[in-house]
Protein backbone atom coordinates (compact mmCIF):
# COMPACT_ATOMS: atom_id res chain seq x y z
CA UNK A 1 189.70 194.15 142.76
CA UNK A 2 192.94 193.50 140.91
CA UNK A 3 192.25 190.80 138.51
CA UNK A 4 195.66 188.75 138.40
CA UNK A 5 195.25 188.48 142.31
CA UNK A 6 191.72 187.54 142.04
CA UNK A 7 192.56 184.68 139.83
CA UNK A 8 195.59 183.84 141.70
CA UNK A 9 193.06 183.52 144.71
CA UNK A 10 191.29 181.20 143.39
CA UNK A 11 193.94 179.40 141.96
CA UNK A 12 195.17 179.01 145.93
CA UNK A 13 191.93 177.93 147.43
CA UNK A 14 189.76 176.54 145.25
CA UNK A 15 189.86 172.70 144.55
CA UNK A 16 192.44 172.19 141.42
CA UNK A 17 191.83 169.40 138.89
CA UNK A 18 194.84 167.26 140.12
CA UNK A 19 195.70 166.47 143.97
CA UNK A 20 199.33 166.36 143.74
CA UNK A 21 199.53 170.05 143.04
CA UNK A 22 197.69 170.71 146.29
CA UNK A 23 199.90 168.50 148.50
CA UNK A 24 202.84 170.60 146.69
CA UNK A 25 201.40 173.87 147.59
CA UNK A 26 200.82 172.78 150.65
CA UNK A 27 204.13 171.61 151.41
CA UNK A 28 205.42 174.91 150.10
CA UNK A 29 203.66 176.50 152.62
CA UNK A 30 204.84 174.29 155.06
CA UNK A 31 208.54 174.77 153.69
CA UNK A 32 208.41 178.53 154.30
CA UNK A 33 206.75 178.26 157.53
CA UNK A 34 208.99 176.07 159.33
CA UNK A 35 211.75 178.02 157.97
CA UNK A 36 210.45 181.29 159.12
CA UNK A 37 209.32 179.69 162.36
CA UNK A 38 213.19 178.63 162.77
CA UNK A 39 214.09 182.25 162.18
CA UNK A 40 211.87 184.05 165.02
CA UNK A 41 212.67 181.21 167.45
CA UNK A 42 216.45 181.41 167.18
CA UNK A 43 216.62 185.26 166.87
CA UNK A 44 214.31 185.47 170.01
CA UNK A 45 216.82 182.86 171.85
CA UNK A 46 220.04 184.85 171.02
CA UNK A 47 217.97 188.08 172.32
CA UNK A 48 217.27 186.02 175.51
CA UNK A 49 220.88 185.81 176.17
CA UNK A 50 221.50 189.15 175.25
CA UNK A 51 218.96 190.37 177.92
CA UNK A 52 220.23 188.08 180.29
CA UNK A 53 224.03 189.15 180.06
CA UNK A 54 222.51 192.76 180.43
CA UNK A 55 220.73 191.75 183.54
CA UNK A 56 224.17 190.97 185.20
CA UNK A 57 225.44 194.64 184.75
CA UNK A 58 226.71 195.39 188.50
CA UNK A 59 227.72 197.93 190.45
CA UNK A 60 230.92 198.05 188.96
CA UNK A 61 229.22 198.90 186.10
CA UNK A 62 228.25 202.56 186.41
CA UNK A 63 225.25 203.66 184.40
CA UNK A 64 227.46 206.30 182.30
CA UNK A 65 231.14 206.62 182.18
CA UNK A 66 233.48 209.29 181.11
CA UNK A 67 236.93 208.66 179.47
CA UNK A 68 239.36 210.16 177.58
CA UNK A 69 239.02 209.86 173.33
CA UNK A 70 242.99 209.64 173.39
CA UNK A 71 245.31 208.20 175.85
CA UNK A 72 244.44 206.48 179.20
CA UNK A 73 244.59 209.19 181.63
CA UNK A 74 243.04 212.75 181.76
CA UNK A 75 243.38 215.73 184.35
CA UNK A 76 240.47 215.04 187.28
CA UNK A 77 240.98 219.36 187.50
CA UNK A 78 239.59 220.00 183.67
CA UNK A 79 237.77 222.45 183.48
CA UNK A 80 235.14 220.44 181.41
CA UNK A 81 234.81 218.19 183.63
CA UNK A 82 234.00 220.79 186.73
CA UNK A 83 231.33 221.58 184.52
CA UNK A 84 229.95 218.25 184.18
CA UNK A 85 229.24 218.15 187.83
CA UNK A 86 226.59 220.87 187.70
CA UNK A 87 224.44 218.74 185.09
CA UNK A 88 221.67 218.52 186.67
CA UNK A 89 220.89 214.66 185.95
CA UNK A 90 224.05 213.32 187.79
CA UNK A 91 223.06 212.15 191.49
CA UNK A 92 226.82 210.97 192.50
CA UNK A 93 230.37 211.71 190.59
CA UNK A 94 233.04 209.09 190.95
CA UNK A 95 236.48 210.00 190.16
CA UNK A 96 238.61 206.47 189.15
CA UNK A 97 241.76 205.37 188.13
CA UNK A 98 242.76 201.55 187.12
CA UNK A 99 245.42 200.11 185.40
CA UNK A 100 247.34 196.95 185.94
CA UNK A 101 249.81 195.83 188.40
CA UNK A 102 251.26 192.37 189.75
CA UNK A 103 250.11 191.30 193.07
CA UNK A 104 252.45 188.93 195.37
CA UNK A 105 251.08 186.79 198.25
CA UNK A 106 253.70 184.19 199.67
CA UNK A 107 253.95 181.51 196.83
CA UNK A 108 251.09 183.09 194.68
CA UNK A 109 251.20 185.74 192.17
CA UNK A 110 248.56 187.13 189.88
CA UNK A 111 248.10 189.56 187.54
CA UNK A 112 245.23 192.24 188.74
CA UNK A 113 243.50 195.52 187.59
CA UNK A 114 243.73 197.69 190.43
CA UNK A 115 241.02 200.31 190.77
CA UNK A 116 241.57 203.48 192.44
CA UNK A 117 238.14 204.79 193.35
CA UNK A 118 237.02 207.79 195.71
CA UNK A 119 235.24 207.99 198.84
CA UNK A 120 231.62 208.19 197.64
CA UNK A 121 231.80 205.05 195.64
CA UNK A 122 229.96 203.23 198.31
CA UNK A 123 227.30 205.90 197.04
CA UNK A 124 226.86 204.67 193.93
CA UNK A 125 227.51 200.72 194.35
CA UNK A 126 224.98 198.35 195.71
CA UNK A 127 227.62 197.23 198.04
CA UNK A 128 225.71 195.14 200.43
CA UNK A 129 224.62 192.88 197.66
CA UNK A 130 228.34 192.18 196.61
CA UNK A 131 229.98 191.61 199.59
CA UNK A 132 231.10 188.72 201.48
CA UNK A 133 232.78 188.52 204.78
CA UNK A 134 233.06 189.85 208.36
CA UNK A 135 234.49 193.21 207.41
CA UNK A 136 233.32 196.39 205.99
CA UNK A 137 233.77 198.14 202.94
CA UNK A 138 236.70 200.52 203.58
CA UNK A 139 239.40 202.08 201.69
CA UNK A 140 242.14 203.44 203.99
CA UNK A 141 242.62 204.35 207.80
CA UNK A 142 245.21 206.70 208.47
CA UNK A 143 248.39 205.52 207.02
CA UNK A 144 246.89 201.88 206.03
CA UNK A 145 245.24 201.15 202.71
CA UNK A 146 242.73 198.46 202.00
CA UNK A 147 241.95 196.27 198.92
CA UNK A 148 238.83 194.71 198.38
CA UNK A 149 239.34 191.58 196.30
CA UNK A 150 237.20 190.03 193.73
CA UNK A 151 236.24 186.62 195.31
CA UNK A 152 237.67 184.33 192.60
CA UNK A 153 240.88 186.55 192.72
CA UNK A 154 241.22 185.80 196.57
CA UNK A 155 241.00 182.44 195.64
CA UNK A 156 243.70 182.50 193.06
CA UNK A 157 246.13 183.78 195.73
CA UNK A 158 244.96 181.17 198.47
CA UNK A 159 243.38 183.99 200.75
CA UNK A 160 239.77 184.24 202.29
CA UNK A 161 237.61 187.17 202.92
CA UNK A 162 240.54 188.32 205.57
CA UNK A 163 244.52 188.06 204.98
CA UNK A 164 246.51 188.81 208.13
CA UNK A 165 249.63 189.76 206.25
CA UNK A 166 249.76 192.42 203.22
CA UNK A 167 249.56 192.14 199.94
CA UNK A 168 252.64 193.18 197.92
CA UNK A 169 251.55 195.31 194.93
CA UNK A 170 253.82 195.92 191.86
CA UNK A 171 253.67 198.67 189.08
CA UNK A 172 255.86 199.35 186.55
CA UNK A 173 257.37 203.18 187.38
CA UNK A 174 256.42 205.93 184.70
CA UNK A 175 258.64 206.37 181.72
CA UNK A 176 261.57 204.32 183.11
CA UNK A 177 262.97 201.46 181.16
CA UNK A 178 263.57 198.06 183.05
CA UNK A 179 267.13 198.37 185.11
CA UNK A 180 268.34 194.28 184.52
CA UNK A 181 270.84 194.19 187.14
CA UNK A 182 267.93 195.56 189.64
CA UNK A 183 264.97 195.22 188.09
CA UNK A 184 263.08 195.86 191.16
CA UNK A 185 264.56 199.51 191.04
CA UNK A 186 262.10 199.92 187.99
CA UNK A 187 258.68 198.98 189.83
CA UNK A 188 256.61 200.71 192.62
CA UNK A 189 255.95 198.72 195.59
CA UNK A 190 253.35 199.07 197.86
CA UNK A 191 251.19 197.44 200.21
CA UNK A 192 247.39 196.61 200.58
CA UNK A 193 245.47 195.49 203.62
CA UNK A 194 242.36 193.39 204.29
CA UNK A 195 239.13 195.02 205.45
CA UNK A 196 237.56 191.90 206.10
CA UNK A 197 235.21 191.36 202.75
CA UNK A 198 235.54 190.24 199.31
CA UNK A 199 233.14 191.22 196.38
CA UNK A 200 231.58 188.97 194.08
CA UNK A 201 229.57 190.20 191.28
CA UNK A 202 229.15 187.02 189.36
CA UNK A 203 231.34 188.11 186.19
CA UNK A 204 234.87 186.51 185.91
CA UNK A 205 236.13 189.99 184.19
CA UNK A 206 235.80 191.59 187.73
CA UNK A 207 235.72 188.27 190.36
CA UNK A 208 239.23 187.01 188.84
CA UNK A 209 240.77 190.19 188.25
CA UNK A 210 239.79 193.22 190.26
CA UNK A 211 241.12 194.74 193.71
CA UNK A 212 239.24 198.03 194.60
CA UNK A 213 241.22 200.45 196.43
CA UNK A 214 241.67 204.41 197.19
CA UNK A 215 242.07 206.60 194.50
CA UNK A 216 245.07 207.71 196.69
CA UNK A 217 246.64 204.24 196.53
CA UNK A 218 246.33 203.93 192.91
CA UNK A 219 247.71 207.40 192.12
CA UNK A 220 250.71 206.57 194.31
CA UNK A 221 251.11 202.96 192.54
CA UNK A 222 250.81 204.29 189.02
CA UNK A 223 252.41 207.56 189.39
CA UNK A 224 249.37 209.71 188.38
CA UNK A 225 249.22 212.21 190.72
CA UNK A 226 246.10 214.75 190.07
CA UNK A 227 244.82 212.68 186.97
CA UNK A 228 242.03 209.89 186.56
CA UNK A 229 241.44 207.46 183.89
CA UNK A 230 237.72 207.77 183.87
CA UNK A 231 234.61 209.34 185.93
CA UNK A 232 232.01 207.15 186.61
CA UNK A 233 228.31 208.77 186.98
CA UNK A 234 225.03 207.51 188.72
CA UNK A 235 222.26 209.66 187.37
CA UNK A 236 219.28 210.30 189.56
CA UNK A 237 216.19 208.50 189.20
CA UNK A 238 214.06 209.05 186.28
CA UNK A 239 216.52 210.58 184.40
CA UNK A 240 216.54 209.18 180.75
CA UNK A 241 220.33 207.73 180.20
CA UNK A 242 220.32 208.29 176.49
CA UNK A 243 219.36 211.49 176.67
CA UNK A 244 222.08 212.15 179.26
CA UNK A 245 224.69 210.64 177.17
CA UNK A 246 223.76 213.25 174.40
CA UNK A 247 223.95 216.04 176.67
CA UNK A 248 227.07 215.07 178.49
CA UNK A 249 228.88 214.21 174.99
CA UNK A 250 227.91 217.63 173.69
CA UNK A 251 229.04 219.40 177.25
CA UNK A 252 232.34 217.66 176.83
CA UNK A 253 233.31 218.01 173.18
CA UNK A 254 235.34 215.44 171.03
CA UNK A 255 238.18 215.13 174.13
CA UNK A 256 235.97 212.49 175.71
CA UNK A 257 233.88 209.41 175.01
CA UNK A 258 230.87 209.07 177.22
CA UNK A 259 229.80 204.94 177.24
CA UNK A 260 226.40 203.55 178.66
CA UNK A 261 226.85 199.90 180.46
CA UNK A 262 226.05 198.67 176.92
CA UNK A 263 229.11 200.22 175.37
CA UNK A 264 231.23 199.54 178.44
CA UNK A 265 230.71 195.90 178.30
CA UNK A 266 230.53 196.15 173.89
CA UNK A 267 233.20 192.96 173.57
CA UNK A 268 230.48 190.93 174.92
CA UNK A 269 227.80 192.27 173.23
CA UNK A 270 229.47 192.70 169.71
CA UNK A 271 230.15 188.92 169.78
CA UNK A 272 226.74 188.08 170.45
CA UNK A 273 225.88 190.50 167.61
CA UNK A 274 227.81 188.36 164.97
CA UNK A 275 226.81 185.04 166.34
CA UNK A 276 223.14 186.23 165.93
CA UNK A 277 223.91 187.62 162.18
CA UNK A 278 225.52 184.61 161.13
CA UNK A 279 222.51 182.31 162.65
CA UNK A 280 220.33 184.76 160.57
CA UNK A 281 221.70 184.51 157.15
CA UNK A 282 222.30 180.46 157.56
CA UNK A 283 218.40 180.39 158.32
CA UNK A 284 217.54 182.87 155.61
CA UNK A 285 219.75 180.30 153.48
CA UNK A 286 217.61 177.65 154.03
CA UNK A 287 214.71 179.74 153.73
CA UNK A 288 216.08 180.12 150.39
CA UNK A 289 216.19 176.71 149.74
CA UNK A 290 212.42 176.09 150.91
CA UNK A 291 211.42 178.86 148.17
CA UNK A 292 212.34 176.33 145.31
CA UNK A 293 209.40 174.35 146.51
CA UNK A 294 207.30 177.29 145.57
CA UNK A 295 209.08 177.05 141.77
CA UNK A 296 207.82 173.58 141.63
CA UNK A 297 204.56 174.09 142.93
CA UNK A 298 203.82 177.24 140.65
CA UNK A 299 205.48 175.15 137.64
CA UNK A 300 202.76 172.32 137.65
CA UNK A 301 200.16 175.23 138.11
CA UNK A 302 201.47 176.69 134.98
CA UNK A 303 201.05 173.39 132.96
CA UNK A 304 197.72 172.42 134.37
CA UNK A 305 196.09 176.01 133.70
CA UNK A 306 197.29 175.79 130.10
CA UNK A 307 193.66 175.54 128.92
CA UNK A 308 192.81 178.83 131.31
CA UNK A 309 195.44 180.86 129.83
CA UNK A 310 194.38 180.49 126.43
CA UNK A 311 190.52 181.16 127.85
CA UNK A 312 191.71 184.06 129.56
CA UNK A 313 193.81 185.59 126.22
CA UNK A 314 190.37 185.18 123.89
CA UNK A 315 188.84 187.13 126.67
CA UNK A 316 191.18 189.69 126.42
CA UNK A 317 193.94 189.24 128.91
CA UNK A 318 197.33 190.63 128.41
CA UNK A 319 200.15 188.39 128.75
CA UNK A 320 201.63 190.74 131.55
CA UNK A 321 198.22 189.83 133.39
CA UNK A 322 198.66 186.60 133.08
CA UNK A 323 202.38 186.14 134.26
CA UNK A 324 201.33 188.36 137.12
CA UNK A 325 198.36 186.02 138.07
CA UNK A 326 201.28 182.81 138.72
CA UNK A 327 203.35 185.60 140.00
CA UNK A 328 200.86 186.36 142.74
CA UNK A 329 200.00 182.84 143.41
CA UNK A 330 203.64 182.20 144.49
CA UNK A 331 203.66 185.55 146.58
CA UNK A 332 200.03 184.10 148.59
CA UNK A 333 202.19 180.95 149.18
CA UNK A 334 205.28 182.49 150.83
CA UNK A 335 202.68 184.87 152.69
CA UNK A 336 200.81 182.62 154.36
CA UNK A 337 203.81 180.57 154.74
CA UNK A 338 205.48 183.41 156.67
CA UNK A 339 202.49 184.47 158.92
CA UNK A 340 201.85 180.57 159.72
CA UNK A 341 205.77 180.09 160.64
CA UNK A 342 205.77 183.71 162.76
CA UNK A 343 202.45 182.78 164.70
CA UNK A 344 203.66 179.44 165.38
CA UNK A 345 207.12 180.70 166.37
CA UNK A 346 205.61 183.49 168.88
CA UNK A 347 203.63 180.98 170.27
CA UNK A 348 206.80 178.62 170.99
CA UNK A 349 208.85 181.38 172.21
CA UNK A 350 206.06 182.22 174.51
CA UNK A 351 205.82 178.52 175.76
CA UNK A 352 209.38 178.52 176.43
CA UNK A 353 209.57 181.79 178.48
CA UNK A 354 206.51 180.36 180.39
CA UNK A 355 207.66 176.85 180.65
CA UNK A 356 210.92 176.32 179.93
CA UNK A 357 210.32 173.56 177.51
CA UNK A 358 214.04 173.05 176.24
CA UNK A 359 216.49 173.28 179.27
CA UNK A 360 220.20 174.04 179.07
CA UNK A 361 221.39 170.74 180.94
CA UNK A 362 220.13 167.89 182.36
CA UNK A 363 220.86 168.62 186.45
CA UNK A 364 218.90 171.97 187.53
CA UNK A 365 221.20 174.80 188.80
CA UNK A 366 224.28 173.66 186.53
CA UNK A 367 223.56 177.33 184.96
CA UNK A 368 222.88 180.69 185.56
CA UNK A 369 219.39 179.70 184.20
CA UNK A 370 217.66 176.24 183.46
CA UNK A 371 215.86 177.11 180.46
CA UNK A 372 217.00 178.75 177.28
CA UNK A 373 216.04 182.57 177.70
CA UNK A 374 213.63 183.88 175.22
CA UNK A 375 212.81 187.39 174.21
CA UNK A 376 210.68 188.29 171.18
CA UNK A 377 211.90 191.85 169.68
CA UNK A 378 209.31 193.80 167.52
CA UNK A 379 211.78 194.48 164.73
CA UNK A 380 213.18 191.09 164.24
CA UNK A 381 209.66 189.80 163.61
CA UNK A 382 209.15 192.57 160.87
CA UNK A 383 212.77 191.84 159.75
CA UNK A 384 211.72 188.20 159.43
CA UNK A 385 208.70 189.11 157.66
CA UNK A 386 210.41 191.22 154.93
CA UNK A 387 213.18 188.84 154.65
CA UNK A 388 210.80 186.22 153.62
CA UNK A 389 208.70 188.61 151.46
CA UNK A 390 211.90 189.43 149.85
CA UNK A 391 213.91 186.16 149.29
CA UNK A 392 210.96 184.83 147.92
CA UNK A 393 209.93 187.11 145.46
CA UNK A 394 213.40 187.69 144.25
CA UNK A 395 213.37 183.67 143.81
CA UNK A 396 210.19 183.59 141.76
CA UNK A 397 210.31 186.61 139.47
CA UNK A 398 212.63 184.92 136.89
CA UNK A 399 211.59 180.86 136.79
CA UNK A 400 207.79 182.38 136.72
CA UNK A 401 208.23 184.85 133.92
CA UNK A 402 210.29 182.42 131.76
CA UNK A 403 208.23 179.59 132.58
CA UNK A 404 205.05 181.81 131.50
CA UNK A 405 205.97 182.81 128.40
CA UNK A 406 207.28 179.36 127.17
CA UNK A 407 203.49 178.63 127.77
CA UNK A 408 202.37 181.99 126.10
CA UNK A 409 204.24 181.09 123.14
């Protein structure tokens, strides 16, 4: 067995001559354990919120979305997109065109995103879960164009699931300046009728701003004949989304971007990742403070074992070995603290996940979930343990070597 490690283990587990050293060592272990536990619980809660947001992916978010790398639109008949249709993992291929427009209904008006979709959009989207009203999902009928509004947008315009008068939709004409003497001449104007339904996906991004309509209407409105802003793909069951994304990216080349659902919601997840990183840094700083308790414990141990040090030197122990004894002592304290903190943190995460010990509010049903969501990720646990070890080692290295050398002089 390694000689310095053996002596350090004896010092940690054997009864010391001064009870105060025992207490300080226990406090040091508890300090590291509490900081480690806080890291495990906090990062698991952030993971829980990320998984909760991911569970809100809707029929409006396709599994894969192909967009131009530059510009807002691309030619629908591009040969590379045509070759994409032959990819074996694709079940549904939907061309879409979306842009901003102004909607006016009586005294109400709103800036919206008009999304024109193919007829097969209903095959990709699980519509029956998100439609409300007595009508059916329709994009057009003969010369009439229908618009399916988000439920919050409908309320903002003072509408229900059905409206009798058509919506007036305005979009600036492509490549034209605004005519100040006759502003309306600089806009394309069209009408949308109600199919008798609205949609709700529980995300304000869509419910408060989107109108689903036909691709033909969107092209006429925005002056984008023969073009699309994206191609949305539904994959066959059992297809690996990550592998399909890489294959499609290689097939299309650098002129196109291919996004999965997480990348389509990149802004939301980026904010959550930044918040998680800031929490991690703050708690690591608290861990650093907790490690100073270990320095105090080792300092008192060095003083207490002064006679033992002289005995070990007389028996032939080298100064470097004696220094390593106290370094191992500090590492054992931090290691046990880290393990205890991780175990307690995982137990608390399990209890929160199973019983919802800490709620989000006083009244049930006020939020999407009643209790803080928790999701433990293995790599986070590994990162936390590595952080505790590295921080404690870095904190102990200089003070222990300095104090040991003073004792050995």
